[in-house]
Amino acid sequence: KYLLIKDSYGRWSFPKGNIEPSESVKEAALREISEETGLKKIKYKDRIDTIKYFYTLDGKFIFKIVIFVLVEVKDSKLFPQKEEISEAKWFTKEEVKKRLNYKNTIPVFLKAVELVESKK
């Protein structure tokens, strides 16, 4: 199964967050996933992809870089961080493809699925 969170905008996406100045991508990913979902036994597997884009917020242009990573968890009990997300849930591959609200993440998800299935 694959994990999605419902963000503060009510959209389903992957756990995410900012990299702290002293952190690596791996450290930030593990910390953010743990903070947002309550998961503790998380194993970093691979870096999947990077998406770069611009958007506007309050009349300002924002440049964003999103780095996607693949992790594996041993304990699937979720304890969502209610301050930032409204829900965290495990889904099948087909359910994820239907639920992802940020369409630019679907190709990234399919890369992750291909990697997971090739290692079975």
C-alpha atoms as a PDB file:
ATOM      1  CA  LYS A   1       0.000   0.000   0.000  1.00  0.00           C
ATOM      2  CA  TYR A   2       0.959   3.631  -0.486  1.00  0.00           C
ATOM      3  CA  LEU A   3       0.562   6.521   1.943  1.00  0.00           C
ATOM      4  CA  LEU A   4      -1.230   9.777   1.202  1.00  0.00           C
ATOM      5  CA  ILE A   5      -2.069  12.715   3.411  1.00  0.00           C
ATOM      6  CA  LYS A   6      -4.901  15.207   3.047  1.00  0.00           C
ATOM      7  CA  ASP A   7      -3.241  18.620   3.270  1.00  0.00           C
ATOM      8  CA  SER A   8      -4.548  21.890   4.712  1.00  0.00           C
ATOM      9  CA  TYR A   9      -6.196  22.668   1.345  1.00  0.00           C
ATOM     10  CA  GLY A  10      -8.182  19.408   1.457  1.00  0.00           C
ATOM     11  CA  ARG A  11      -6.070  17.830  -1.288  1.00  0.00           C
ATOM     12  CA  TRP A  12      -4.539  14.358  -1.215  1.00  0.00           C
ATOM     13  CA  SER A  13      -0.779  14.300  -1.667  1.00  0.00           C
ATOM     14  CA  PHE A  14       2.374  12.761  -0.271  1.00  0.00           C
ATOM     15  CA  PRO A  15       3.861  13.774   3.091  1.00  0.00           C
ATOM     16  CA  LYS A  16       6.103  16.766   2.543  1.00  0.00           C
ATOM     17  CA  GLY A  17       7.903  19.636   4.189  1.00  0.00           C
ATOM     18  CA  ASN A  18      10.909  21.899   4.243  1.00  0.00           C
ATOM     19  CA  ILE A  19      14.545  20.941   4.604  1.00  0.00           C
ATOM     20  CA  GLU A  20      16.128  22.509   7.682  1.00  0.00           C
ATOM     21  CA  PRO A  21      19.519  24.240   7.112  1.00  0.00           C
ATOM     22  CA  SER A  22      21.542  21.461   8.741  1.00  0.00           C
ATOM     23  CA  GLU A  23      19.621  18.536   7.165  1.00  0.00           C
ATOM     24  CA  SER A  24      20.196  16.317   4.162  1.00  0.00           C
ATOM     25  CA  VAL A  25      17.293  15.413   1.862  1.00  0.00           C
ATOM     26  CA  LYS A  26      17.172  11.981   3.503  1.00  0.00           C
ATOM     27  CA  GLU A  27      17.066  13.391   7.046  1.00  0.00           C
ATOM     28  CA  ALA A  28      14.365  15.911   6.141  1.00  0.00           C
ATOM     29  CA  ALA A  29      12.211  13.277   4.438  1.00  0.00           C
ATOM     30  CA  LEU A  30      12.374  10.895   7.388  1.00  0.00           C
ATOM     31  CA  ARG A  31      11.653  13.710   9.876  1.00  0.00           C
ATOM     32  CA  GLU A  32       8.722  15.147   7.911  1.00  0.00           C
ATOM     33  CA  ILE A  33       7.106  11.747   7.317  1.00  0.00           C
ATOM     34  CA  SER A  34       7.424  10.916  11.007  1.00  0.00           C
ATOM     35  CA  GLU A  35       6.079  14.306  12.135  1.00  0.00           C
ATOM     36  CA  GLU A  36       3.093  14.288   9.777  1.00  0.00           C
ATOM     37  CA  THR A  37       2.065  10.647  10.121  1.00  0.00           C
ATOM     38  CA  GLY A  38       3.381   9.436  13.469  1.00  0.00           C
ATOM     39  CA  LEU A  39       5.310   6.647  11.728  1.00  0.00           C
ATOM     40  CA  LYS A  40       8.553   5.720  13.473  1.00  0.00           C
ATOM     41  CA  LYS A  41      10.126   2.719  11.720  1.00  0.00           C
ATOM     42  CA  ILE A  42      10.905   4.399   8.405  1.00  0.00           C
ATOM     43  CA  LYS A  43      13.656   3.222   6.078  1.00  0.00           C
ATOM     44  CA  TYR A  44      14.928   5.488   3.312  1.00  0.00           C
ATOM     45  CA  LYS A  45      15.084   3.546   0.029  1.00  0.00           C
ATOM     46  CA  ASP A  46      15.713   5.861  -2.918  1.00  0.00           C
ATOM     47  CA  ARG A  47      15.397   9.312  -4.424  1.00  0.00           C
ATOM     48  CA  ILE A  48      12.696   9.179  -7.105  1.00  0.00           C
ATOM     49  CA  ASP A  49      12.449  12.552  -8.845  1.00  0.00           C
ATOM     50  CA  THR A  50      12.605  16.339  -8.544  1.00  0.00           C
ATOM     51  CA  ILE A  51       9.934  18.770  -9.731  1.00  0.00           C
ATOM     52  CA  LYS A  52      10.594  22.519 -10.078  1.00  0.00           C
ATOM     53  CA  TYR A  53       7.866  25.092 -10.624  1.00  0.00           C
ATOM     54  CA  PHE A  54       6.712  28.677 -10.034  1.00  0.00           C
ATOM     55  CA  TYR A  55       3.495  29.877  -8.470  1.00  0.00           C
ATOM     56  CA  THR A  56       2.165  33.153  -7.081  1.00  0.00           C
ATOM     57  CA  LEU A  57       1.226  33.815  -3.476  1.00  0.00           C
ATOM     58  CA  ASP A  58      -0.083  37.207  -2.387  1.00  0.00           C
ATOM     59  CA  GLY A  59       1.194  38.723  -5.628  1.00  0.00           C
ATOM     60  CA  LYS A  60       4.706  37.312  -5.241  1.00  0.00           C
ATOM     61  CA  PHE A  61       6.364  34.749  -7.492  1.00  0.00           C
ATOM     62  CA  ILE A  62       7.525  31.677  -5.584  1.00  0.00           C
ATOM     63  CA  PHE A  63       9.996  29.150  -6.997  1.00  0.00           C
ATOM     64  CA  LYS A  64       9.576  25.710  -5.487  1.00  0.00           C
ATOM     65  CA  ILE A  65      11.712  22.578  -5.696  1.00  0.00           C
ATOM     66  CA  VAL A  66      10.082  19.315  -4.605  1.00  0.00           C
ATOM     67  CA  ILE A  67      12.264  16.240  -4.115  1.00  0.00           C
ATOM     68  CA  PHE A  68      10.420  12.918  -4.002  1.00  0.00           C
ATOM     69  CA  VAL A  69      11.854   9.952  -2.129  1.00  0.00           C
ATOM     70  CA  LEU A  70      10.785   6.360  -1.598  1.00  0.00           C
ATOM     71  CA  VAL A  71      10.675   4.966   1.924  1.00  0.00           C
ATOM     72  CA  GLU A  72       9.586   1.686   3.469  1.00  0.00           C
ATOM     73  CA  VAL A  73       7.798   1.366   6.806  1.00  0.00           C
ATOM     74  CA  LYS A  74       7.542  -1.624   9.121  1.00  0.00           C
ATOM     75  CA  ASP A  75       4.698  -0.403  11.348  1.00  0.00           C
ATOM     76  CA  SER A  76       1.746   1.000   9.406  1.00  0.00           C
ATOM     77  CA  LYS A  77      -0.230   2.536  12.304  1.00  0.00           C
ATOM     78  CA  LEU A  78      -0.850   6.193  11.526  1.00  0.00           C
ATOM     79  CA  PHE A  79      -1.122   9.060  14.004  1.00  0.00           C
ATOM     80  CA  PRO A  80      -1.643  12.140  11.793  1.00  0.00           C
ATOM     81  CA  GLN A  81      -0.355  15.536  12.904  1.00  0.00           C
ATOM     82  CA  LYS A  82      -3.666  17.396  13.101  1.00  0.00           C
ATOM     83  CA  GLU A  83      -2.045  20.866  13.002  1.00  0.00           C
ATOM     84  CA  GLU A  84      -0.905  20.487   9.392  1.00  0.00           C
ATOM     85  CA  ILE A  85      -2.937  17.666   7.850  1.00  0.00           C
ATOM     86  CA  SER A  86      -6.517  16.481   8.253  1.00  0.00           C
ATOM     87  CA  GLU A  87      -5.998  12.818   7.397  1.00  0.00           C
ATOM     88  CA  ALA A  88      -3.381  10.179   6.584  1.00  0.00           C
ATOM     89  CA  LYS A  89      -4.358   6.907   4.965  1.00  0.00           C
ATOM     90  CA  TRP A  90      -2.939   3.863   3.139  1.00  0.00           C
ATOM     91  CA  PHE A  91      -4.217   3.243  -0.413  1.00  0.00           C
ATOM     92  CA  THR A  92      -3.739   0.746  -3.223  1.00  0.00           C
ATOM     93  CA  LYS A  93      -1.899   1.809  -6.384  1.00  0.00           C
ATOM     94  CA  GLU A  94      -5.171   2.339  -8.264  1.00  0.00           C
ATOM     95  CA  GLU A  95      -6.699   4.354  -5.412  1.00  0.00           C
ATOM     96  CA  VAL A  96      -3.647   6.630  -5.270  1.00  0.00           C
ATOM     97  CA  LYS A  97      -3.852   7.363  -9.008  1.00  0.00           C
ATOM     98  CA  LYS A  98      -7.495   8.422  -8.564  1.00  0.00           C
ATOM     99  CA  ARG A  99      -6.943  10.460  -5.402  1.00  0.00           C
ATOM    100  CA  LEU A 100      -3.775  12.463  -6.122  1.00  0.00           C
ATOM    101  CA  ASN A 101      -4.934  16.054  -6.514  1.00  0.00           C
ATOM    102  CA  TYR A 102      -1.611  17.450  -7.724  1.00  0.00           C
ATOM    103  CA  LYS A 103      -1.489  15.908 -11.199  1.00  0.00           C
ATOM    104  CA  ASN A 104       2.239  16.591 -11.668  1.00  0.00           C
ATOM    105  CA  THR A 105       2.870  13.985  -8.949  1.00  0.00           C
ATOM    106  CA  ILE A 106       1.232  11.090 -10.829  1.00  0.00           C
ATOM    107  CA  PRO A 107       4.275  10.399 -13.089  1.00  0.00           C
ATOM    108  CA  VAL A 108       6.510  10.521  -9.999  1.00  0.00           C
ATOM    109  CA  PHE A 109       4.230   8.052  -8.228  1.00  0.00           C
ATOM    110  CA  LEU A 110       4.346   5.701 -11.226  1.00  0.00           C
ATOM    111  CA  LYS A 111       8.171   5.799 -11.139  1.00  0.00           C
ATOM    112  CA  ALA A 112       8.053   4.824  -7.463  1.00  0.00           C
ATOM    113  CA  VAL A 113       5.629   1.971  -8.182  1.00  0.00           C
ATOM    114  CA  GLU A 114       7.885   0.693 -10.972  1.00  0.00           C
ATOM    115  CA  LEU A 115      10.854   0.718  -8.607  1.00  0.00           C
ATOM    116  CA  VAL A 116       8.923  -1.087  -5.853  1.00  0.00           C
ATOM    117  CA  GLU A 117       7.537  -3.723  -8.216  1.00  0.00           C
ATOM    118  CA  SER A 118      10.929  -4.356  -9.843  1.00  0.00           C
ATOM    119  CA  LYS A 119      12.397  -5.265  -6.436  1.00  0.00           C
ATOM    120  CA  LYS A 120       9.724  -7.817  -5.490  1.00  0.00           C
END
